[in-house]
Amino acid sequence: EIIEGKLYGLGANDAGGALVSMIMAFTHFYNMQNLPFNLLLCAAA
């Protein structure tokens, strides 16, 4: 639930915000050719 700019819920802060930020970055670069580095993603348990 979003109230006054806050997203409430178990795991929202630890570590949901971190996880979805990283997933978005990974998906943004996933198809990019000629990157000078590999980008890896692990959503861990």
PDB file of all heavy atoms in Angstrom:
ATOM      1  N   GLU A   1       0.840  -1.192   0.000  1.00  0.00           N
ATOM      2  CA  GLU A   1       0.000   0.000   0.000  1.00  0.00           C
ATOM      3  C   GLU A   1       0.877   1.244   0.000  1.00  0.00           C
ATOM      4  O   GLU A   1       1.839   1.328   0.774  1.00  0.00           O
ATOM      5  CB  GLU A   1      -0.889  -0.016   1.241  1.00  0.00           C
ATOM      6  CG  GLU A   1      -1.943   1.053   1.279  1.00  0.00           C
ATOM      7  CD  GLU A   1      -2.861   0.890   2.488  1.00  0.00           C
ATOM      8  OE1 GLU A   1      -2.478   0.191   3.454  1.00  0.00           O
ATOM      9  OE2 GLU A   1      -3.961   1.475   2.462  1.00  0.00           O
ATOM     10  N   ILE A   2       0.578   2.174  -0.889  1.00  0.00           N
ATOM     11  CA  ILE A   2       1.330   3.431  -0.949  1.00  0.00           C
ATOM     12  C   ILE A   2       0.521   4.520  -0.251  1.00  0.00           C
ATOM     13  O   ILE A   2      -0.616   4.807  -0.640  1.00  0.00           O
ATOM     14  CB  ILE A   2       1.627   3.842  -2.403  1.00  0.00           C
ATOM     15  CG1 ILE A   2       2.482   2.778  -3.093  1.00  0.00           C
ATOM     16  CG2 ILE A   2       2.344   5.193  -2.442  1.00  0.00           C
ATOM     17  CD1 ILE A   2       2.725   3.031  -4.572  1.00  0.00           C
ATOM     18  N   ILE A   3       1.113   5.114   0.788  1.00  0.00           N
ATOM     19  CA  ILE A   3       0.479   6.197   1.537  1.00  0.00           C
ATOM     20  C   ILE A   3       1.502   7.308   1.721  1.00  0.00           C
ATOM     21  O   ILE A   3       2.587   7.085   2.270  1.00  0.00           O
ATOM     22  CB  ILE A   3      -0.015   5.709   2.914  1.00  0.00           C
ATOM     23  CG1 ILE A   3      -1.033   4.577   2.757  1.00  0.00           C
ATOM     24  CG2 ILE A   3      -0.635   6.876   3.695  1.00  0.00           C
ATOM     25  CD1 ILE A   3      -1.478   3.971   4.069  1.00  0.00           C
ATOM     26  N   GLU A   4       1.161   8.477   1.225  1.00  0.00           N
ATOM     27  CA  GLU A   4       2.028   9.662   1.357  1.00  0.00           C
ATOM     28  C   GLU A   4       3.459   9.373   0.903  1.00  0.00           C
ATOM     29  O   GLU A   4       4.430   9.720   1.578  1.00  0.00           O
ATOM     30  CB  GLU A   4       2.011  10.170   2.804  1.00  0.00           C
ATOM     31  CG  GLU A   4       0.637  10.659   3.256  1.00  0.00           C
ATOM     32  CD  GLU A   4       0.631  11.159   4.684  1.00  0.00           C
ATOM     33  OE1 GLU A   4       1.636  10.948   5.405  1.00  0.00           O
ATOM     34  OE2 GLU A   4      -0.372  11.765   5.085  1.00  0.00           O
ATOM     35  N   GLY A   5       3.568   8.707  -0.237  1.00  0.00           N
ATOM     36  CA  GLY A   5       4.881   8.448  -0.827  1.00  0.00           C
ATOM     37  C   GLY A   5       5.639   7.290  -0.224  1.00  0.00           C
ATOM     38  O   GLY A   5       6.793   7.034  -0.597  1.00  0.00           O
ATOM     39  N   LYS A   6       5.011   6.540   0.693  1.00  0.00           N
ATOM     40  CA  LYS A   6       5.656   5.395   1.324  1.00  0.00           C
ATOM     41  C   LYS A   6       4.988   4.110   0.836  1.00  0.00           C
ATOM     42  O   LYS A   6       3.760   3.996   0.891  1.00  0.00           O
ATOM     43  CB  LYS A   6       5.543   5.469   2.849  1.00  0.00           C
ATOM     44  CG  LYS A   6       6.142   6.698   3.488  1.00  0.00           C
ATOM     45  CD  LYS A   6       5.815   6.710   4.978  1.00  0.00           C
ATOM     46  CE  LYS A   6       6.323   7.970   5.658  1.00  0.00           C
ATOM     47  NZ  LYS A   6       5.929   8.006   7.090  1.00  0.00           N
ATOM     48  N   LEU A   7       5.809   3.160   0.399  1.00  0.00           N
ATOM     49  CA  LEU A   7       5.301   1.845   0.031  1.00  0.00           C
ATOM     50  C   LEU A   7       5.454   0.927   1.240  1.00  0.00           C
ATOM     51  O   LEU A   7       6.572   0.605   1.660  1.00  0.00           O
ATOM     52  CB  LEU A   7       6.058   1.269  -1.164  1.00  0.00           C
ATOM     53  CG  LEU A   7       5.722  -0.172  -1.555  1.00  0.00           C
ATOM     54  CD1 LEU A   7       4.243  -0.320  -1.926  1.00  0.00           C
ATOM     55  CD2 LEU A   7       6.616  -0.656  -2.692  1.00  0.00           C
ATOM     56  N   TYR A   8       4.322   0.522   1.823  1.00  0.00           N
ATOM     57  CA  TYR A   8       4.328  -0.330   3.007  1.00  0.00           C
ATOM     58  C   TYR A   8       4.267  -1.797   2.608  1.00  0.00           C
ATOM     59  O   TYR A   8       3.670  -2.162   1.598  1.00  0.00           O
ATOM     60  CB  TYR A   8       3.112  -0.009   3.887  1.00  0.00           C
ATOM     61  CG  TYR A   8       3.229   1.279   4.665  1.00  0.00           C
ATOM     62  CD1 TYR A   8       2.744   2.471   4.130  1.00  0.00           C
ATOM     63  CD2 TYR A   8       3.805   1.305   5.937  1.00  0.00           C
ATOM     64  CE1 TYR A   8       2.831   3.668   4.849  1.00  0.00           C
ATOM     65  CE2 TYR A   8       3.898   2.489   6.650  1.00  0.00           C
ATOM     66  CZ  TYR A   8       3.404   3.663   6.105  1.00  0.00           C
ATOM     67  OH  TYR A   8       3.500   4.830   6.816  1.00  0.00           O
ATOM     68  N   GLY A   9       4.866  -2.639   3.463  1.00  0.00           N
ATOM     69  CA  GLY A   9       4.784  -4.080   3.270  1.00  0.00           C
ATOM     70  C   GLY A   9       6.057  -4.771   3.727  1.00  0.00           C
ATOM     71  O   GLY A   9       7.152  -4.195   3.669  1.00  0.00           O
ATOM     72  N   LEU A  10       5.919  -6.006   4.186  1.00  0.00           N
ATOM     73  CA  LEU A  10       7.065  -6.782   4.652  1.00  0.00           C
ATOM     74  C   LEU A  10       8.062  -6.994   3.515  1.00  0.00           C
ATOM     75  O   LEU A  10       7.695  -7.476   2.443  1.00  0.00           O
ATOM     76  CB  LEU A  10       6.583  -8.132   5.194  1.00  0.00           C
ATOM     77  CG  LEU A  10       7.662  -9.076   5.730  1.00  0.00           C
ATOM     78  CD1 LEU A  10       8.380  -8.465   6.927  1.00  0.00           C
ATOM     79  CD2 LEU A  10       7.037 -10.418   6.123  1.00  0.00           C
ATOM     80  N   GLY A  11       9.326  -6.623   3.750  1.00  0.00           N
ATOM     81  CA  GLY A  11      10.363  -6.777   2.730  1.00  0.00           C
ATOM     82  C   GLY A  11      10.491  -5.594   1.802  1.00  0.00           C
ATOM     83  O   GLY A  11      11.381  -5.581   0.945  1.00  0.00           O
ATOM     84  N   ALA A  12       9.648  -4.580   1.962  1.00  0.00           N
ATOM     85  CA  ALA A  12       9.729  -3.411   1.081  1.00  0.00           C
ATOM     86  C   ALA A  12      11.085  -2.732   1.195  1.00  0.00           C
ATOM     87  O   ALA A  12      11.707  -2.360   0.191  1.00  0.00           O
ATOM     88  CB  ALA A  12       8.610  -2.421   1.426  1.00  0.00           C
ATOM     89  N   ASN A  13      11.550  -2.602   2.414  1.00  0.00           N
ATOM     90  CA  ASN A  13      12.814  -1.915   2.681  1.00  0.00           C
ATOM     91  C   ASN A  13      13.995  -2.875   2.689  1.00  0.00           C
ATOM     92  O   ASN A  13      15.074  -2.554   2.199  1.00  0.00           O
ATOM     93  CB  ASN A  13      12.700  -1.190   4.025  1.00  0.00           C
ATOM     94  CG  ASN A  13      13.960  -0.435   4.423  1.00  0.00           C
ATOM     95  OD1 ASN A  13      14.259   0.621   3.897  1.00  0.00           O
ATOM     96  ND2 ASN A  13      14.706  -0.988   5.370  1.00  0.00           N
ATOM     97  N   ASP A  14      13.791  -4.058   3.233  1.00  0.00           N
ATOM     98  CA  ASP A  14      14.869  -5.036   3.390  1.00  0.00           C
ATOM     99  C   ASP A  14      14.456  -6.352   2.749  1.00  0.00           C
ATOM    100  O   ASP A  14      13.796  -7.181   3.373  1.00  0.00           O
ATOM    101  CB  ASP A  14      15.171  -5.234   4.876  1.00  0.00           C
ATOM    102  CG  ASP A  14      16.346  -6.152   5.132  1.00  0.00           C
ATOM    103  OD1 ASP A  14      17.091  -6.450   4.174  1.00  0.00           O
ATOM    104  OD2 ASP A  14      16.519  -6.595   6.276  1.00  0.00           O
ATOM    105  N   ALA A  15      14.862  -6.585   1.501  1.00  0.00           N
ATOM    106  CA  ALA A  15      15.682  -5.683   0.694  1.00  0.00           C
ATOM    107  C   ALA A  15      14.993  -5.440  -0.641  1.00  0.00           C
ATOM    108  O   ALA A  15      15.625  -5.419  -1.678  1.00  0.00           O
ATOM    109  CB  ALA A  15      17.064  -6.286   0.484  1.00  0.00           C
ATOM    110  N   GLY A  16      13.652  -5.268  -0.601  1.00  0.00           N
ATOM    111  CA  GLY A  16      12.907  -5.155  -1.846  1.00  0.00           C
ATOM    112  C   GLY A  16      13.327  -4.008  -2.732  1.00  0.00           C
ATOM    113  O   GLY A  16      13.475  -4.160  -3.945  1.00  0.00           O
ATOM    114  N   GLY A  17      13.522  -2.830  -2.127  1.00  0.00           N
ATOM    115  CA  GLY A  17      13.930  -1.676  -2.923  1.00  0.00           C
ATOM    116  C   GLY A  17      15.262  -1.898  -3.610  1.00  0.00           C
ATOM    117  O   GLY A  17      15.458  -1.527  -4.776  1.00  0.00           O
ATOM    118  N   ALA A  18      16.196  -2.518  -2.885  1.00  0.00           N
ATOM    119  CA  ALA A  18      17.504  -2.837  -3.465  1.00  0.00           C
ATOM    120  C   ALA A  18      17.357  -3.844  -4.597  1.00  0.00           C
ATOM    121  O   ALA A  18      17.930  -3.676  -5.681  1.00  0.00           O
ATOM    122  CB  ALA A  18      18.423  -3.392  -2.374  1.00  0.00           C
ATOM    123  N   LEU A  19      16.580  -4.893  -4.354  1.00  0.00           N
ATOM    124  CA  LEU A  19      16.443  -5.966  -5.337  1.00  0.00           C
ATOM    125  C   LEU A  19      15.842  -5.464  -6.644  1.00  0.00           C
ATOM    126  O   LEU A  19      16.384  -5.733  -7.721  1.00  0.00           O
ATOM    127  CB  LEU A  19      15.575  -7.086  -4.756  1.00  0.00           C
ATOM    128  CG  LEU A  19      15.282  -8.254  -5.697  1.00  0.00           C
ATOM    129  CD1 LEU A  19      16.560  -8.976  -6.085  1.00  0.00           C
ATOM    130  CD2 LEU A  19      14.288  -9.221  -5.053  1.00  0.00           C
ATOM    131  N   VAL A  20      14.742  -4.726  -6.564  1.00  0.00           N
ATOM    132  CA  VAL A  20      14.102  -4.295  -7.815  1.00  0.00           C
ATOM    133  C   VAL A  20      14.940  -3.250  -8.542  1.00  0.00           C
ATOM    134  O   VAL A  20      14.934  -3.193  -9.780  1.00  0.00           O
ATOM    135  CB  VAL A  20      12.658  -3.793  -7.585  1.00  0.00           C
ATOM    136  CG1 VAL A  20      11.789  -4.922  -7.051  1.00  0.00           C
ATOM    137  CG2 VAL A  20      12.611  -2.577  -6.656  1.00  0.00           C
ATOM    138  N   SER A  21      15.699  -2.437  -7.799  1.00  0.00           N
ATOM    139  CA  SER A  21      16.605  -1.480  -8.447  1.00  0.00           C
ATOM    140  C   SER A  21      17.652  -2.215  -9.268  1.00  0.00           C
ATOM    141  O   SER A  21      17.972  -1.837 -10.404  1.00  0.00           O
ATOM    142  CB  SER A  21      17.280  -0.595  -7.396  1.00  0.00           C
ATOM    143  OG  SER A  21      16.345   0.195  -6.709  1.00  0.00           O
ATOM    144  N   MET A  22      18.193  -3.287  -8.691  1.00  0.00           N
ATOM    145  CA  MET A  22      19.216  -4.066  -9.386  1.00  0.00           C
ATOM    146  C   MET A  22      18.637  -4.828 -10.568  1.00  0.00           C
ATOM    147  O   MET A  22      19.267  -4.930 -11.628  1.00  0.00           O
ATOM    148  CB  MET A  22      19.890  -5.021  -8.396  1.00  0.00           C
ATOM    149  CG  MET A  22      20.780  -4.315  -7.396  1.00  0.00           C
ATOM    150  SD  MET A  22      21.620  -5.469  -6.284  1.00  0.00           S
ATOM    151  CE  MET A  22      22.938  -4.386  -5.677  1.00  0.00           C
ATOM    152  N   ILE A  23      17.436  -5.365 -10.394  1.00  0.00           N
ATOM    153  CA  ILE A  23      16.799  -6.078 -11.505  1.00  0.00           C
ATOM    154  C   ILE A  23      16.572  -5.138 -12.681  1.00  0.00           C
ATOM    155  O   ILE A  23      16.797  -5.504 -13.848  1.00  0.00           O
ATOM    156  CB  ILE A  23      15.473  -6.722 -11.045  1.00  0.00           C
ATOM    157  CG1 ILE A  23      15.759  -7.907 -10.113  1.00  0.00           C
ATOM    158  CG2 ILE A  23      14.648  -7.187 -12.250  1.00  0.00           C
ATOM    159  CD1 ILE A  23      14.516  -8.528  -9.501  1.00  0.00           C
ATOM    160  N   MET A  24      16.147  -3.900 -12.404  1.00  0.00           N
ATOM    161  CA  MET A  24      15.911  -2.946 -13.491  1.00  0.00           C
ATOM    162  C   MET A  24      17.216  -2.590 -14.211  1.00  0.00           C
ATOM    163  O   MET A  24      17.251  -2.480 -15.439  1.00  0.00           O
ATOM    164  CB  MET A  24      15.249  -1.675 -12.951  1.00  0.00           C
ATOM    165  CG  MET A  24      13.847  -1.887 -12.432  1.00  0.00           C
ATOM    166  SD  MET A  24      12.755  -2.757 -13.595  1.00  0.00           S
ATOM    167  CE  MET A  24      12.098  -4.043 -12.527  1.00  0.00           C
ATOM    168  N   ALA A  25      18.272  -2.416 -13.455  1.00  0.00           N
ATOM    169  CA  ALA A  25      19.565  -2.121 -14.090  1.00  0.00           C
ATOM    170  C   ALA A  25      20.019  -3.296 -14.947  1.00  0.00           C
ATOM    171  O   ALA A  25      20.493  -3.123 -16.072  1.00  0.00           O
ATOM    172  CB  ALA A  25      20.611  -1.801 -13.019  1.00  0.00           C
ATOM    173  N   PHE A  26      19.860  -4.514 -14.408  1.00  0.00           N
ATOM    174  CA  PHE A  26      20.269  -5.705 -15.160  1.00  0.00           C
ATOM    175  C   PHE A  26      19.485  -5.819 -16.460  1.00  0.00           C
ATOM    176  O   PHE A  26      20.063  -6.082 -17.531  1.00  0.00           O
ATOM    177  CB  PHE A  26      20.079  -6.953 -14.297  1.00  0.00           C
ATOM    178  CG  PHE A  26      20.418  -8.229 -15.009  1.00  0.00           C
ATOM    179  CD1 PHE A  26      21.736  -8.629 -15.159  1.00  0.00           C
ATOM    180  CD2 PHE A  26      19.415  -9.031 -15.551  1.00  0.00           C
ATOM    181  CE1 PHE A  26      22.058  -9.811 -15.832  1.00  0.00           C
ATOM    182  CE2 PHE A  26      19.717 -10.204 -16.215  1.00  0.00           C
ATOM    183  CZ  PHE A  26      21.044 -10.594 -16.358  1.00  0.00           C
ATOM    184  N   THR A  27      18.168  -5.627 -16.392  1.00  0.00           N
ATOM    185  CA  THR A  27      17.355  -5.763 -17.605  1.00  0.00           C
ATOM    186  C   THR A  27      17.683  -4.662 -18.614  1.00  0.00           C
ATOM    187  O   THR A  27      17.615  -4.887 -19.820  1.00  0.00           O
ATOM    188  CB  THR A  27      15.860  -5.735 -17.273  1.00  0.00           C
ATOM    189  OG1 THR A  27      15.535  -4.520 -16.587  1.00  0.00           O
ATOM    190  CG2 THR A  27      15.474  -6.906 -16.390  1.00  0.00           C
ATOM    191  N   HIS A  28      18.042  -3.487 -18.114  1.00  0.00           N
ATOM    192  CA  HIS A  28      18.394  -2.387 -19.023  1.00  0.00           C
ATOM    193  C   HIS A  28      19.613  -2.738 -19.868  1.00  0.00           C
ATOM    194  O   HIS A  28      19.667  -2.421 -21.068  1.00  0.00           O
ATOM    195  CB  HIS A  28      18.681  -1.118 -18.207  1.00  0.00           C
ATOM    196  CG  HIS A  28      19.162   0.037 -19.024  1.00  0.00           C
ATOM    197  ND1 HIS A  28      18.319   0.859 -19.730  1.00  0.00           N
ATOM    198  CD2 HIS A  28      20.427   0.500 -19.281  1.00  0.00           C
ATOM    199  CE1 HIS A  28      19.017   1.786 -20.374  1.00  0.00           C
ATOM    200  NE2 HIS A  28      20.304   1.585 -20.108  1.00  0.00           N
ATOM    201  N   PHE A  29      20.587  -3.414 -19.266  1.00  0.00           N
ATOM    202  CA  PHE A  29      21.834  -3.710 -19.967  1.00  0.00           C
ATOM    203  C   PHE A  29      21.874  -5.124 -20.550  1.00  0.00           C
ATOM    204  O   PHE A  29      22.837  -5.475 -21.236  1.00  0.00           O
ATOM    205  CB  PHE A  29      23.027  -3.530 -19.015  1.00  0.00           C
ATOM    206  CG  PHE A  29      23.298  -2.100 -18.649  1.00  0.00           C
ATOM    207  CD1 PHE A  29      22.793  -1.568 -17.483  1.00  0.00           C
ATOM    208  CD2 PHE A  29      24.035  -1.273 -19.497  1.00  0.00           C
ATOM    209  CE1 PHE A  29      23.029  -0.244 -17.142  1.00  0.00           C
ATOM    210  CE2 PHE A  29      24.277   0.049 -19.169  1.00  0.00           C
ATOM    211  CZ  PHE A  29      23.765   0.572 -17.989  1.00  0.00           C
ATOM    212  N   TYR A  30      20.857  -5.932 -20.290  1.00  0.00           N
ATOM    213  CA  TYR A  30      20.903  -7.345 -20.664  1.00  0.00           C
ATOM    214  C   TYR A  30      21.223  -7.559 -22.136  1.00  0.00           C
ATOM    215  O   TYR A  30      22.064  -8.386 -22.497  1.00  0.00           O
ATOM    216  CB  TYR A  30      19.574  -8.026 -20.310  1.00  0.00           C
ATOM    217  CG  TYR A  30      19.511  -9.446 -20.813  1.00  0.00           C
ATOM    218  CD1 TYR A  30      20.200 -10.466 -20.155  1.00  0.00           C
ATOM    219  CD2 TYR A  30      18.801  -9.764 -21.975  1.00  0.00           C
ATOM    220  CE1 TYR A  30      20.171 -11.770 -20.627  1.00  0.00           C
ATOM    221  CE2 TYR A  30      18.763 -11.062 -22.449  1.00  0.00           C
ATOM    222  CZ  TYR A  30      19.452 -12.059 -21.782  1.00  0.00           C
ATOM    223  OH  TYR A  30      19.440 -13.349 -22.250  1.00  0.00           O
ATOM    224  N   ASN A  31      20.554  -6.835 -23.017  1.00  0.00           N
ATOM    225  CA  ASN A  31      20.712  -7.036 -24.465  1.00  0.00           C
ATOM    226  C   ASN A  31      21.834  -6.213 -25.091  1.00  0.00           C
ATOM    227  O   ASN A  31      22.035  -6.274 -26.306  1.00  0.00           O
ATOM    228  CB  ASN A  31      19.398  -6.691 -25.180  1.00  0.00           C
ATOM    229  CG  ASN A  31      18.338  -7.754 -24.976  1.00  0.00           C
ATOM    230  OD1 ASN A  31      18.569  -8.931 -25.241  1.00  0.00           O
ATOM    231  ND2 ASN A  31      17.181  -7.354 -24.478  1.00  0.00           N
ATOM    232  N   MET A  32      22.534  -5.441 -24.294  1.00  0.00           N
ATOM    233  CA  MET A  32      23.520  -4.514 -24.845  1.00  0.00           C
ATOM    234  C   MET A  32      24.775  -5.265 -25.292  1.00  0.00           C
ATOM    235  O   MET A  32      25.380  -6.019 -24.520  1.00  0.00           O
ATOM    236  CB  MET A  32      23.866  -3.444 -23.812  1.00  0.00           C
ATOM    237  CG  MET A  32      24.535  -2.221 -24.395  1.00  0.00           C
ATOM    238  SD  MET A  32      24.652  -0.862 -23.187  1.00  0.00           S
ATOM    239  CE  MET A  32      22.914  -0.420 -23.010  1.00  0.00           C
ATOM    240  N   GLN A  33      25.164  -5.046 -26.533  1.00  0.00           N
ATOM    241  CA  GLN A  33      26.382  -5.662 -27.055  1.00  0.00           C
ATOM    242  C   GLN A  33      27.593  -4.778 -26.738  1.00  0.00           C
ATOM    243  O   GLN A  33      27.479  -3.592 -26.468  1.00  0.00           O
ATOM    244  CB  GLN A  33      26.272  -5.854 -28.564  1.00  0.00           C
ATOM    245  CG  GLN A  33      25.160  -6.789 -28.987  1.00  0.00           C
ATOM    246  CD  GLN A  33      25.197  -7.097 -30.473  1.00  0.00           C
ATOM    247  OE1 GLN A  33      26.255  -7.445 -31.016  1.00  0.00           O
ATOM    248  NE2 GLN A  33      24.061  -6.976 -31.130  1.00  0.00           N
ATOM    249  N   ASN A  34      28.762  -5.424 -26.764  1.00  0.00           N
ATOM    250  CA  ASN A  34      30.039  -4.723 -26.634  1.00  0.00           C
ATOM    251  C   ASN A  34      30.232  -4.041 -25.285  1.00  0.00           C
ATOM    252  O   ASN A  34      30.986  -3.068 -25.172  1.00  0.00           O
ATOM    253  CB  ASN A  34      30.213  -3.694 -27.752  1.00  0.00           C
ATOM    254  CG  ASN A  34      30.131  -4.330 -29.130  1.00  0.00           C
ATOM    255  OD1 ASN A  34      30.697  -5.397 -29.358  1.00  0.00           O
ATOM    256  ND2 ASN A  34      29.414  -3.687 -30.052  1.00  0.00           N
ATOM    257  N   LEU A  35      29.557  -4.538 -24.253  1.00  0.00           N
ATOM    258  CA  LEU A  35      29.870  -4.056 -22.909  1.00  0.00           C
ATOM    259  C   LEU A  35      31.298  -4.482 -22.565  1.00  0.00           C
ATOM    260  O   LEU A  35      31.715  -5.595 -22.906  1.00  0.00           O
ATOM    261  CB  LEU A  35      28.916  -4.655 -21.878  1.00  0.00           C
ATOM    262  CG  LEU A  35      27.505  -4.088 -21.765  1.00  0.00           C
ATOM    263  CD1 LEU A  35      26.693  -4.918 -20.766  1.00  0.00           C
ATOM    264  CD2 LEU A  35      27.537  -2.634 -21.334  1.00  0.00           C
ATOM    265  N   PRO A  36      32.072  -3.637 -21.887  1.00  0.00           N
ATOM    266  CA  PRO A  36      33.429  -4.042 -21.512  1.00  0.00           C
ATOM    267  C   PRO A  36      33.457  -4.925 -20.274  1.00  0.00           C
ATOM    268  O   PRO A  36      34.519  -5.318 -19.805  1.00  0.00           O
ATOM    269  CB  PRO A  36      34.106  -2.700 -21.241  1.00  0.00           C
ATOM    270  CG  PRO A  36      32.998  -1.813 -20.785  1.00  0.00           C
ATOM    271  CD  PRO A  36      31.780  -2.247 -21.557  1.00  0.00           C
ATOM    272  N   PHE A  37      32.299  -5.217 -19.731  1.00  0.00           N
ATOM    273  CA  PHE A  37      32.197  -6.083 -18.558  1.00  0.00           C
ATOM    274  C   PHE A  37      30.929  -6.927 -18.696  1.00  0.00           C
ATOM    275  O   PHE A  37      30.032  -6.614 -19.473  1.00  0.00           O
ATOM    276  CB  PHE A  37      32.135  -5.264 -17.256  1.00  0.00           C
ATOM    277  CG  PHE A  37      31.103  -4.163 -17.281  1.00  0.00           C
ATOM    278  CD1 PHE A  37      29.754  -4.417 -17.047  1.00  0.00           C
ATOM    279  CD2 PHE A  37      31.491  -2.849 -17.550  1.00  0.00           C
ATOM    280  CE1 PHE A  37      28.821  -3.401 -17.079  1.00  0.00           C
ATOM    281  CE2 PHE A  37      30.554  -1.819 -17.583  1.00  0.00           C
ATOM    282  CZ  PHE A  37      29.208  -2.101 -17.348  1.00  0.00           C
ATOM    283  N   ASN A  38      30.875  -8.029 -17.935  1.00  0.00           N
ATOM    284  CA  ASN A  38      29.650  -8.812 -17.817  1.00  0.00           C
ATOM    285  C   ASN A  38      28.851  -8.288 -16.635  1.00  0.00           C
ATOM    286  O   ASN A  38      29.419  -7.856 -15.626  1.00  0.00           O
ATOM    287  CB  ASN A  38      29.980 -10.288 -17.565  1.00  0.00           C
ATOM    288  CG  ASN A  38      30.771 -10.906 -18.694  1.00  0.00           C
ATOM    289  OD1 ASN A  38      30.386 -10.819 -19.852  1.00  0.00           O
ATOM    290  ND2 ASN A  38      31.886 -11.552 -18.355  1.00  0.00           N
ATOM    291  N   LEU A  39      27.537  -8.341 -16.762  1.00  0.00           N
ATOM    292  CA  LEU A  39      26.670  -7.976 -15.649  1.00  0.00           C
ATOM    293  C   LEU A  39      25.898  -9.226 -15.239  1.00  0.00           C
ATOM    294  O   LEU A  39      25.262  -9.888 -16.083  1.00  0.00           O
ATOM    295  CB  LEU A  39      25.717  -6.855 -16.063  1.00  0.00           C
ATOM    296  CG  LEU A  39      25.194  -5.943 -14.940  1.00  0.00           C
ATOM    297  CD1 LEU A  39      26.347  -5.348 -14.138  1.00  0.00           C
ATOM    298  CD2 LEU A  39      24.331  -4.835 -15.512  1.00  0.00           C
ATOM    299  N   LEU A  40      25.973  -9.564 -13.962  1.00  0.00           N
ATOM    300  CA  LEU A  40      25.356 -10.766 -13.418  1.00  0.00           C
ATOM    301  C   LEU A  40      24.291 -10.375 -12.402  1.00  0.00           C
ATOM    302  O   LEU A  40      24.411  -9.344 -11.732  1.00  0.00           O
ATOM    303  CB  LEU A  40      26.404 -11.652 -12.736  1.00  0.00           C
ATOM    304  CG  LEU A  40      27.733 -11.858 -13.470  1.00  0.00           C
ATOM    305  CD1 LEU A  40      28.705 -12.637 -12.585  1.00  0.00           C
ATOM    306  CD2 LEU A  40      27.494 -12.590 -14.790  1.00  0.00           C
ATOM    307  N   LEU A  41      23.280 -11.215 -12.257  1.00  0.00           N
ATOM    308  CA  LEU A  41      22.201 -10.941 -11.308  1.00  0.00           C
ATOM    309  C   LEU A  41      21.940 -12.174 -10.458  1.00  0.00           C
ATOM    310  O   LEU A  41      21.822 -13.285 -10.974  1.00  0.00           O
ATOM    311  CB  LEU A  41      20.915 -10.563 -12.044  1.00  0.00           C
ATOM    312  CG  LEU A  41      19.671 -10.367 -11.165  1.00  0.00           C
ATOM    313  CD1 LEU A  41      19.796  -9.114 -10.305  1.00  0.00           C
ATOM    314  CD2 LEU A  41      18.400 -10.304 -12.029  1.00  0.00           C
ATOM    315  N   CYS A  42      21.836 -11.971  -9.148  1.00  0.00           N
ATOM    316  CA  CYS A  42      21.429 -13.041  -8.246  1.00  0.00           C
ATOM    317  C   CYS A  42      20.399 -12.497  -7.266  1.00  0.00           C
ATOM    318  O   CYS A  42      20.714 -11.640  -6.435  1.00  0.00           O
ATOM    319  CB  CYS A  42      22.619 -13.619  -7.481  1.00  0.00           C
ATOM    320  SG  CYS A  42      22.166 -14.984  -6.370  1.00  0.00           S
ATOM    321  N   ALA A  43      19.162 -12.974  -7.402  1.00  0.00           N
ATOM    322  CA  ALA A  43      18.108 -12.686  -6.424  1.00  0.00           C
ATOM    323  C   ALA A  43      18.122 -13.855  -5.451  1.00  0.00           C
ATOM    324  O   ALA A  43      17.636 -14.947  -5.759  1.00  0.00           O
ATOM    325  CB  ALA A  43      16.755 -12.553  -7.110  1.00  0.00           C
ATOM    326  N   ALA A  44      18.713 -13.644  -4.295  1.00  0.00           N
ATOM    327  CA  ALA A  44      19.090 -14.743  -3.411  1.00  0.00           C
ATOM    328  C   ALA A  44      18.017 -15.073  -2.377  1.00  0.00           C
ATOM    329  O   ALA A  44      17.174 -14.247  -2.015  1.00  0.00           O
ATOM    330  CB  ALA A  44      20.397 -14.407  -2.697  1.00  0.00           C
ATOM    331  N   ALA A  45      18.107 -16.297  -1.896  1.00  0.00           N
ATOM    332  CA  ALA A  45      17.241 -16.791  -0.825  1.00  0.00           C
ATOM    333  C   ALA A  45      18.050 -16.902   0.472  1.00  0.00           C
ATOM    334  O   ALA A  45      19.285 -16.769   0.473  1.00  0.00           O
ATOM    335  CB  ALA A  45      16.675 -18.165  -1.208  1.00  0.00           C
TER     336      ALA A  45
END
